[in-house]
Amino acid sequence: MLLSEHKRKALRRLKIIQGQVGGITKLVEEERYCLEVLTQIAAIQEALRGVSKEIVRNHLETCVTDSVKKGDGEEHYQELTDIMFKLNR
């Protein structure tokens, strides 16, 4: 579960991303310069990485920490390792 501060940050970033996607749609409809579109796509990808970072941080502070305290963190370590590789593709 997302802690309130992490949730607030993630939702704020996602709303910004929604606006950016709308902006890209408009750029494509207007047949704007390709590099302008690609620059905006790169900005969205970076913003999504920011959301991922916030959610990973939350996961570490909640699920993983609780699991380690109970002595059964191995499953979370594996899940976290797997998702980190997926996020870095």
PDB file of N, CA and C in Angstrom:
ATOM      1  N   MET A   1       0.843  -1.178   0.000  1.00  0.00           N
ATOM      2  CA  MET A   1       0.000   0.000   0.000  1.00  0.00           C
ATOM      3  C   MET A   1       0.889   1.242   0.000  1.00  0.00           C
ATOM      4  N   LEU A   2       0.513   2.233  -0.784  1.00  0.00           N
ATOM      5  CA  LEU A   2       1.299   3.462  -0.859  1.00  0.00           C
ATOM      6  C   LEU A   2       1.059   4.326   0.370  1.00  0.00           C
ATOM      7  N   LEU A   3       2.153   4.775   0.988  1.00  0.00           N
ATOM      8  CA  LEU A   3       2.053   5.729   2.078  1.00  0.00           C
ATOM      9  C   LEU A   3       1.589   7.061   1.504  1.00  0.00           C
ATOM     10  N   SER A   4       0.927   7.862   2.284  1.00  0.00           N
ATOM     11  CA  SER A   4       0.284   9.068   1.779  1.00  0.00           C
ATOM     12  C   SER A   4       1.248  10.008   1.042  1.00  0.00           C
ATOM     13  N   GLU A   5       2.448  10.220   1.548  1.00  0.00           N
ATOM     14  CA  GLU A   5       3.391  11.126   0.889  1.00  0.00           C
ATOM     15  C   GLU A   5       3.843  10.561  -0.459  1.00  0.00           C
ATOM     16  N   HIS A   6       4.131   9.270  -0.500  1.00  0.00           N
ATOM     17  CA  HIS A   6       4.521   8.640  -1.769  1.00  0.00           C
ATOM     18  C   HIS A   6       3.360   8.663  -2.757  1.00  0.00           C
ATOM     19  N   LYS A   7       2.173   8.417  -2.252  1.00  0.00           N
ATOM     20  CA  LYS A   7       0.980   8.430  -3.107  1.00  0.00           C
ATOM     21  C   LYS A   7       0.766   9.822  -3.693  1.00  0.00           C
ATOM     22  N   ARG A   8       0.892  10.844  -2.866  1.00  0.00           N
ATOM     23  CA  ARG A   8       0.707  12.223  -3.320  1.00  0.00           C
ATOM     24  C   ARG A   8       1.709  12.564  -4.424  1.00  0.00           C
ATOM     25  N   LYS A   9       2.970  12.211  -4.200  1.00  0.00           N
ATOM     26  CA  LYS A   9       4.008  12.499  -5.192  1.00  0.00           C
ATOM     27  C   LYS A   9       3.767  11.739  -6.493  1.00  0.00           C
ATOM     28  N   ALA A  10       3.413  10.467  -6.377  1.00  0.00           N
ATOM     29  CA  ALA A  10       3.175   9.652  -7.572  1.00  0.00           C
ATOM     30  C   ALA A  10       1.993  10.192  -8.371  1.00  0.00           C
ATOM     31  N   LEU A  11       0.907  10.532  -7.685  1.00  0.00           N
ATOM     32  CA  LEU A  11      -0.270  11.050  -8.383  1.00  0.00           C
ATOM     33  C   LEU A  11       0.020  12.394  -9.049  1.00  0.00           C
ATOM     34  N   ARG A  12       0.785  13.248  -8.397  1.00  0.00           N
ATOM     35  CA  ARG A  12       1.137  14.535  -8.987  1.00  0.00           C
ATOM     36  C   ARG A  12       1.933  14.327 -10.270  1.00  0.00           C
ATOM     37  N   ARG A  13       2.915  13.419 -10.204  1.00  0.00           N
ATOM     38  CA  ARG A  13       3.727  13.146 -11.392  1.00  0.00           C
ATOM     39  C   ARG A  13       2.891  12.533 -12.512  1.00  0.00           C
ATOM     40  N   LEU A  14       1.980  11.633 -12.154  1.00  0.00           N
ATOM     41  CA  LEU A  14       1.139  10.998 -13.175  1.00  0.00           C
ATOM     42  C   LEU A  14       0.216  12.005 -13.861  1.00  0.00           C
ATOM     43  N   LYS A  15      -0.279  12.969 -13.118  1.00  0.00           N
ATOM     44  CA  LYS A  15      -1.120  14.007 -13.729  1.00  0.00           C
ATOM     45  C   LYS A  15      -0.312  14.857 -14.708  1.00  0.00           C
ATOM     46  N   ILE A  16       0.919  15.151 -14.348  1.00  0.00           N
ATOM     47  CA  ILE A  16       1.800  15.887 -15.253  1.00  0.00           C
ATOM     48  C   ILE A  16       2.048  15.079 -16.521  1.00  0.00           C
ATOM     49  N   ILE A  17       2.288  13.783 -16.341  1.00  0.00           N
ATOM     50  CA  ILE A  17       2.525  12.892 -17.484  1.00  0.00           C
ATOM     51  C   ILE A  17       1.307  12.862 -18.399  1.00  0.00           C
ATOM     52  N   GLN A  18       0.115  12.818 -17.821  1.00  0.00           N
ATOM     53  CA  GLN A  18      -1.103  12.831 -18.643  1.00  0.00           C
ATOM     54  C   GLN A  18      -1.131  14.069 -19.542  1.00  0.00           C
ATOM     55  N   GLY A  19      -0.789  15.198 -18.976  1.00  0.00           N
ATOM     56  CA  GLY A  19      -0.745  16.428 -19.759  1.00  0.00           C
ATOM     57  C   GLY A  19       0.302  16.365 -20.854  1.00  0.00           C
ATOM     58  N   GLN A  20       1.455  15.786 -20.523  1.00  0.00           N
ATOM     59  CA  GLN A  20       2.522  15.666 -21.517  1.00  0.00           C
ATOM     60  C   GLN A  20       2.100  14.758 -22.664  1.00  0.00           C
ATOM     61  N   VAL A  21       1.405  13.674 -22.361  1.00  0.00           N
ATOM     62  CA  VAL A  21       0.941  12.758 -23.416  1.00  0.00           C
ATOM     63  C   VAL A  21      -0.049  13.486 -24.327  1.00  0.00           C
ATOM     64  N   GLY A  22      -0.933  14.262 -23.733  1.00  0.00           N
ATOM     65  CA  GLY A  22      -1.852  15.062 -24.547  1.00  0.00           C
ATOM     66  C   GLY A  22      -1.106  16.031 -25.445  1.00  0.00           C
ATOM     67  N   GLY A  23      -0.034  16.594 -24.914  1.00  0.00           N
ATOM     68  CA  GLY A  23       0.787  17.505 -25.708  1.00  0.00           C
ATOM     69  C   GLY A  23       1.447  16.816 -26.878  1.00  0.00           C
ATOM     70  N   ILE A  24       1.905  15.600 -26.662  1.00  0.00           N
ATOM     71  CA  ILE A  24       2.523  14.836 -27.753  1.00  0.00           C
ATOM     72  C   ILE A  24       1.491  14.490 -28.814  1.00  0.00           C
ATOM     73  N   THR A  25       0.299  14.139 -28.387  1.00  0.00           N
ATOM     74  CA  THR A  25      -0.772  13.845 -29.341  1.00  0.00           C
ATOM     75  C   THR A  25      -0.996  15.050 -30.248  1.00  0.00           C
ATOM     76  N   LYS A  26      -1.030  16.222 -29.645  1.00  0.00           N
ATOM     77  CA  LYS A  26      -1.229  17.441 -30.419  1.00  0.00           C
ATOM     78  C   LYS A  26      -0.060  17.687 -31.373  1.00  0.00           C
ATOM     79  N   LEU A  27       1.162  17.451 -30.892  1.00  0.00           N
ATOM     80  CA  LEU A  27       2.337  17.630 -31.752  1.00  0.00           C
ATOM     81  C   LEU A  27       2.268  16.722 -32.974  1.00  0.00           C
ATOM     82  N   VAL A  28       1.868  15.468 -32.761  1.00  0.00           N
ATOM     83  CA  VAL A  28       1.775  14.517 -33.871  1.00  0.00           C
ATOM     84  C   VAL A  28       0.659  14.935 -34.830  1.00  0.00           C
ATOM     85  N   GLU A  29      -0.488  15.323 -34.265  1.00  0.00           N
ATOM     86  CA  GLU A  29      -1.599  15.778 -35.119  1.00  0.00           C
ATOM     87  C   GLU A  29      -1.196  16.977 -35.967  1.00  0.00           C
ATOM     88  N   GLU A  30      -0.389  17.858 -35.406  1.00  0.00           N
ATOM     89  CA  GLU A  30       0.055  19.054 -36.114  1.00  0.00           C
ATOM     90  C   GLU A  30       1.265  18.795 -37.013  1.00  0.00           C
ATOM     91  N   GLU A  31       1.703  17.528 -37.034  1.00  0.00           N
ATOM     92  CA  GLU A  31       2.859  17.121 -37.831  1.00  0.00           C
ATOM     93  C   GLU A  31       4.090  17.976 -37.530  1.00  0.00           C
ATOM     94  N   ARG A  32       4.346  18.141 -36.242  1.00  0.00           N
ATOM     95  CA  ARG A  32       5.494  18.935 -35.813  1.00  0.00           C
ATOM     96  C   ARG A  32       6.789  18.177 -36.058  1.00  0.00           C
ATOM     97  N   TYR A  33       7.888  18.886 -35.955  1.00  0.00           N
ATOM     98  CA  TYR A  33       9.225  18.354 -36.198  1.00  0.00           C
ATOM     99  C   TYR A  33       9.467  17.113 -35.334  1.00  0.00           C
ATOM    100  N   CYS A  34       9.958  16.050 -35.953  1.00  0.00           N
ATOM    101  CA  CYS A  34      10.141  14.758 -35.288  1.00  0.00           C
ATOM    102  C   CYS A  34      10.955  14.863 -33.998  1.00  0.00           C
ATOM    103  N   LEU A  35      12.034  15.632 -34.030  1.00  0.00           N
ATOM    104  CA  LEU A  35      12.877  15.734 -32.836  1.00  0.00           C
ATOM    105  C   LEU A  35      12.156  16.426 -31.688  1.00  0.00           C
ATOM    106  N   GLU A  36      11.241  17.302 -32.005  1.00  0.00           N
ATOM    107  CA  GLU A  36      10.428  17.943 -30.968  1.00  0.00           C
ATOM    108  C   GLU A  36       9.544  16.896 -30.282  1.00  0.00           C
ATOM    109  N   VAL A  37       8.937  16.024 -31.079  1.00  0.00           N
ATOM    110  CA  VAL A  37       8.104  14.945 -30.542  1.00  0.00           C
ATOM    111  C   VAL A  37       8.958  13.988 -29.706  1.00  0.00           C
ATOM    112  N   LEU A  38      10.100  13.603 -30.243  1.00  0.00           N
ATOM    113  CA  LEU A  38      10.977  12.670 -29.525  1.00  0.00           C
ATOM    114  C   LEU A  38      11.498  13.254 -28.220  1.00  0.00           C
ATOM    115  N   THR A  39      11.756  14.542 -28.198  1.00  0.00           N
ATOM    116  CA  THR A  39      12.196  15.199 -26.968  1.00  0.00           C
ATOM    117  C   THR A  39      11.109  15.112 -25.902  1.00  0.00           C
ATOM    118  N   GLN A  40       9.875  15.299 -26.316  1.00  0.00           N
ATOM    119  CA  GLN A  40       8.766  15.207 -25.361  1.00  0.00           C
ATOM    120  C   GLN A  40       8.553  13.770 -24.885  1.00  0.00           C
ATOM    121  N   ILE A  41       8.763  12.817 -25.771  1.00  0.00           N
ATOM    122  CA  ILE A  41       8.672  11.406 -25.379  1.00  0.00           C
ATOM    123  C   ILE A  41       9.742  11.087 -24.336  1.00  0.00           C
ATOM    124  N   ALA A  42      10.943  11.593 -24.547  1.00  0.00           N
ATOM    125  CA  ALA A  42      12.026  11.376 -23.579  1.00  0.00           C
ATOM    126  C   ALA A  42      11.676  11.984 -22.228  1.00  0.00           C
ATOM    127  N   ALA A  43      11.029  13.137 -22.239  1.00  0.00           N
ATOM    128  CA  ALA A  43      10.625  13.776 -20.980  1.00  0.00           C
ATOM    129  C   ALA A  43       9.603  12.913 -20.238  1.00  0.00           C
ATOM    130  N   ILE A  44       8.693  12.316 -20.972  1.00  0.00           N
ATOM    131  CA  ILE A  44       7.694  11.441 -20.350  1.00  0.00           C
ATOM    132  C   ILE A  44       8.354  10.186 -19.786  1.00  0.00           C
ATOM    133  N   GLN A  45       9.280   9.629 -20.526  1.00  0.00           N
ATOM    134  CA  GLN A  45       9.979   8.443 -20.029  1.00  0.00           C
ATOM    135  C   GLN A  45      10.711   8.759 -18.725  1.00  0.00           C
ATOM    136  N   GLU A  46      11.328   9.915 -18.636  1.00  0.00           N
ATOM    137  CA  GLU A  46      12.017  10.319 -17.416  1.00  0.00           C
ATOM    138  C   GLU A  46      11.018  10.536 -16.276  1.00  0.00           C
ATOM    139  N   ALA A  47       9.889  11.120 -16.597  1.00  0.00           N
ATOM    140  CA  ALA A  47       8.851  11.324 -15.579  1.00  0.00           C
ATOM    141  C   ALA A  47       8.320   9.981 -15.060  1.00  0.00           C
ATOM    142  N   LEU A  48       8.153   9.018 -15.954  1.00  0.00           N
ATOM    143  CA  LEU A  48       7.712   7.686 -15.533  1.00  0.00           C
ATOM    144  C   LEU A  48       8.754   7.016 -14.642  1.00  0.00           C
ATOM    145  N   ARG A  49      10.032   7.247 -14.944  1.00  0.00           N
ATOM    146  CA  ARG A  49      11.084   6.723 -14.074  1.00  0.00           C
ATOM    147  C   ARG A  49      10.966   7.333 -12.676  1.00  0.00           C
ATOM    148  N   GLY A  50      10.596   8.596 -12.625  1.00  0.00           N
ATOM    149  CA  GLY A  50      10.394   9.251 -11.333  1.00  0.00           C
ATOM    150  C   GLY A  50       9.257   8.629 -10.546  1.00  0.00           C
ATOM    151  N   VAL A  51       8.172   8.287 -11.226  1.00  0.00           N
ATOM    152  CA  VAL A  51       7.050   7.610 -10.563  1.00  0.00           C
ATOM    153  C   VAL A  51       7.500   6.236 -10.072  1.00  0.00           C
ATOM    154  N   SER A  52       8.230   5.522 -10.908  1.00  0.00           N
ATOM    155  CA  SER A  52       8.741   4.204 -10.516  1.00  0.00           C
ATOM    156  C   SER A  52       9.614   4.308  -9.274  1.00  0.00           C
ATOM    157  N   LYS A  53      10.471   5.305  -9.256  1.00  0.00           N
ATOM    158  CA  LYS A  53      11.368   5.502  -8.115  1.00  0.00           C
ATOM    159  C   LYS A  53      10.562   5.732  -6.836  1.00  0.00           C
ATOM    160  N   GLU A  54       9.529   6.523  -6.918  1.00  0.00           N
ATOM    161  CA  GLU A  54       8.692   6.810  -5.748  1.00  0.00           C
ATOM    162  C   GLU A  54       8.002   5.538  -5.252  1.00  0.00           C
ATOM    163  N   ILE A  55       7.521   4.730  -6.163  1.00  0.00           N
ATOM    164  CA  ILE A  55       6.818   3.504  -5.779  1.00  0.00           C
ATOM    165  C   ILE A  55       7.798   2.461  -5.237  1.00  0.00           C
ATOM    166  N   VAL A  56       8.983   2.374  -5.830  1.00  0.00           N
ATOM    167  CA  VAL A  56      10.011   1.463  -5.301  1.00  0.00           C
ATOM    168  C   VAL A  56      10.386   1.879  -3.880  1.00  0.00           C
ATOM    169  N   ARG A  57      10.578   3.171  -3.682  1.00  0.00           N
ATOM    170  CA  ARG A  57      10.924   3.676  -2.348  1.00  0.00           C
ATOM    171  C   ARG A  57       9.842   3.282  -1.338  1.00  0.00           C
ATOM    172  N   ASN A  58       8.592   3.471  -1.713  1.00  0.00           N
ATOM    173  CA  ASN A  58       7.478   3.089  -0.848  1.00  0.00           C
ATOM    174  C   ASN A  58       7.512   1.592  -0.553  1.00  0.00           C
ATOM    175  N   HIS A  59       7.757   0.803  -1.574  1.00  0.00           N
ATOM    176  CA  HIS A  59       7.788  -0.651  -1.414  1.00  0.00           C
ATOM    177  C   HIS A  59       8.888  -1.067  -0.428  1.00  0.00           C
ATOM    178  N   LEU A  60      10.044  -0.412  -0.546  1.00  0.00           N
ATOM    179  CA  LEU A  60      11.140  -0.709   0.380  1.00  0.00           C
ATOM    180  C   LEU A  60      10.772  -0.333   1.810  1.00  0.00           C
ATOM    181  N   GLU A  61      10.117   0.808   1.977  1.00  0.00           N
ATOM    182  CA  GLU A  61       9.776   1.295   3.309  1.00  0.00           C
ATOM    183  C   GLU A  61       8.647   0.499   3.959  1.00  0.00           C
ATOM    184  N   THR A  62       7.830  -0.157   3.159  1.00  0.00           N
ATOM    185  CA  THR A  62       6.685  -0.872   3.722  1.00  0.00           C
ATOM    186  C   THR A  62       6.856  -2.391   3.597  1.00  0.00           C
ATOM    187  N   CYS A  63       6.541  -2.916   2.464  1.00  0.00           N
ATOM    188  CA  CYS A  63       6.500  -4.368   2.256  1.00  0.00           C
ATOM    189  C   CYS A  63       7.831  -5.049   2.562  1.00  0.00           C
ATOM    190  N   VAL A  64       8.909  -4.549   1.993  1.00  0.00           N
ATOM    191  CA  VAL A  64      10.207  -5.201   2.175  1.00  0.00           C
ATOM    192  C   VAL A  64      10.664  -5.086   3.629  1.00  0.00           C
ATOM    193  N   THR A  65      10.552  -3.899   4.199  1.00  0.00           N
ATOM    194  CA  THR A  65      10.972  -3.711   5.593  1.00  0.00           C
ATOM    195  C   THR A  65      10.193  -4.623   6.526  1.00  0.00           C
ATOM    196  N   ASP A  66       8.885  -4.675   6.352  1.00  0.00           N
ATOM    197  CA  ASP A  66       8.059  -5.551   7.197  1.00  0.00           C
ATOM    198  C   ASP A  66       8.462  -7.013   7.034  1.00  0.00           C
ATOM    199  N   SER A  67       8.697  -7.428   5.809  1.00  0.00           N
ATOM    200  CA  SER A  67       9.069  -8.805   5.533  1.00  0.00           C
ATOM    201  C   SER A  67      10.418  -9.160   6.164  1.00  0.00           C
ATOM    202  N   VAL A  68      11.377  -8.255   6.059  1.00  0.00           N
ATOM    203  CA  VAL A  68      12.703  -8.500   6.643  1.00  0.00           C
ATOM    204  C   VAL A  68      12.596  -8.582   8.162  1.00  0.00           C
ATOM    205  N   LYS A  69      11.810  -7.711   8.760  1.00  0.00           N
ATOM    206  CA  LYS A  69      11.631  -7.730  10.213  1.00  0.00           C
ATOM    207  C   LYS A  69      11.032  -9.059  10.686  1.00  0.00           C
ATOM    208  N   LYS A  70      10.187  -9.658   9.857  1.00  0.00           N
ATOM    209  CA  LYS A  70       9.570 -10.943  10.194  1.00  0.00           C
ATOM    210  C   LYS A  70      10.489 -12.115   9.883  1.00  0.00           C
ATOM    211  N   GLY A  71      11.613 -11.826   9.212  1.00  0.00           N
ATOM    212  CA  GLY A  71      12.567 -12.881   8.894  1.00  0.00           C
ATOM    213  C   GLY A  71      12.311 -13.615   7.604  1.00  0.00           C
ATOM    214  N   ASP A  72      11.412 -13.105   6.792  1.00  0.00           N
ATOM    215  CA  ASP A  72      11.121 -13.787   5.525  1.00  0.00           C
ATOM    216  C   ASP A  72      11.219 -12.816   4.349  1.00  0.00           C
ATOM    217  N   GLY A  73      12.337 -12.119   4.254  1.00  0.00           N
ATOM    218  CA  GLY A  73      12.531 -11.125   3.213  1.00  0.00           C
ATOM    219  C   GLY A  73      13.018 -11.668   1.888  1.00  0.00           C
ATOM    220  N   GLU A  74      13.419 -12.919   1.844  1.00  0.00           N
ATOM    221  CA  GLU A  74      14.016 -13.476   0.624  1.00  0.00           C
ATOM    222  C   GLU A  74      13.104 -13.336  -0.592  1.00  0.00           C
ATOM    223  N   GLU A  75      11.815 -13.591  -0.427  1.00  0.00           N
ATOM    224  CA  GLU A  75      10.873 -13.488  -1.549  1.00  0.00           C
ATOM    225  C   GLU A  75      10.827 -12.051  -2.078  1.00  0.00           C
ATOM    226  N   HIS A  76      10.800 -11.079  -1.164  1.00  0.00           N
ATOM    227  CA  HIS A  76      10.771  -9.684  -1.590  1.00  0.00           C
ATOM    228  C   HIS A  76      12.080  -9.271  -2.263  1.00  0.00           C
ATOM    229  N   TYR A  77      13.188  -9.794  -1.786  1.00  0.00           N
ATOM    230  CA  TYR A  77      14.469  -9.497  -2.426  1.00  0.00           C
ATOM    231  C   TYR A  77      14.455  -9.957  -3.881  1.00  0.00           C
ATOM    232  N   GLN A  78      13.933 -11.161  -4.113  1.00  0.00           N
ATOM    233  CA  GLN A  78      13.871 -11.691  -5.475  1.00  0.00           C
ATOM    234  C   GLN A  78      12.931 -10.853  -6.336  1.00  0.00           C
ATOM    235  N   GLU A  79      11.749 -10.520  -5.799  1.00  0.00           N
ATOM    236  CA  GLU A  79      10.805  -9.688  -6.552  1.00  0.00           C
ATOM    237  C   GLU A  79      11.417  -8.330  -6.895  1.00  0.00           C
ATOM    238  N   LEU A  80      12.094  -7.739  -5.926  1.00  0.00           N
ATOM    239  CA  LEU A  80      12.700  -6.432  -6.143  1.00  0.00           C
ATOM    240  C   LEU A  80      13.825  -6.500  -7.169  1.00  0.00           C
ATOM    241  N   THR A  81      14.618  -7.551  -7.098  1.00  0.00           N
ATOM    242  CA  THR A  81      15.680  -7.742  -8.089  1.00  0.00           C
ATOM    243  C   THR A  81      15.077  -7.861  -9.483  1.00  0.00           C
ATOM    244  N   ASP A  82      14.034  -8.656  -9.623  1.00  0.00           N
ATOM    245  CA  ASP A  82      13.384  -8.839 -10.927  1.00  0.00           C
ATOM    246  C   ASP A  82      12.831  -7.520 -11.480  1.00  0.00           C
ATOM    247  N   ILE A  83      12.150  -6.772 -10.631  1.00  0.00           N
ATOM    248  CA  ILE A  83      11.535  -5.528 -11.125  1.00  0.00           C
ATOM    249  C   ILE A  83      12.597  -4.490 -11.455  1.00  0.00           C
ATOM    250  N   MET A  84      13.698  -4.480 -10.727  1.00  0.00           N
ATOM    251  CA  MET A  84      14.766  -3.522 -11.029  1.00  0.00           C
ATOM    252  C   MET A  84      15.345  -3.785 -12.415  1.00  0.00           C
ATOM    253  N   PHE A  85      15.495  -5.045 -12.764  1.00  0.00           N
ATOM    254  CA  PHE A  85      15.988  -5.367 -14.108  1.00  0.00           C
ATOM    255  C   PHE A  85      14.982  -4.949 -15.175  1.00  0.00           C
ATOM    256  N   LYS A  86      13.691  -5.141 -14.908  1.00  0.00           N
ATOM    257  CA  LYS A  86      12.652  -4.729 -15.866  1.00  0.00           C
ATOM    258  C   LYS A  86      12.631  -3.209 -16.033  1.00  0.00           C
ATOM    259  N   LEU A  87      12.780  -2.490 -14.935  1.00  0.00           N
ATOM    260  CA  LEU A  87      12.747  -1.026 -14.990  1.00  0.00           C
ATOM    261  C   LEU A  87      13.946  -0.446 -15.708  1.00  0.00           C
ATOM    262  N   ASN A  88      15.049  -1.184 -15.739  1.00  0.00           N
ATOM    263  CA  ASN A  88      16.273  -0.673 -16.346  1.00  0.00           C
ATOM    264  C   ASN A  88      16.454  -1.095 -17.795  1.00  0.00           C
ATOM    265  N   ARG A  89      15.464  -1.680 -18.400  1.00  0.00           N
ATOM    266  CA  ARG A  89      15.575  -2.069 -19.813  1.00  0.00           C
ATOM    267  C   ARG A  89      15.513  -0.858 -20.696  1.00  0.00           C
TER     268      ARG A  89
END
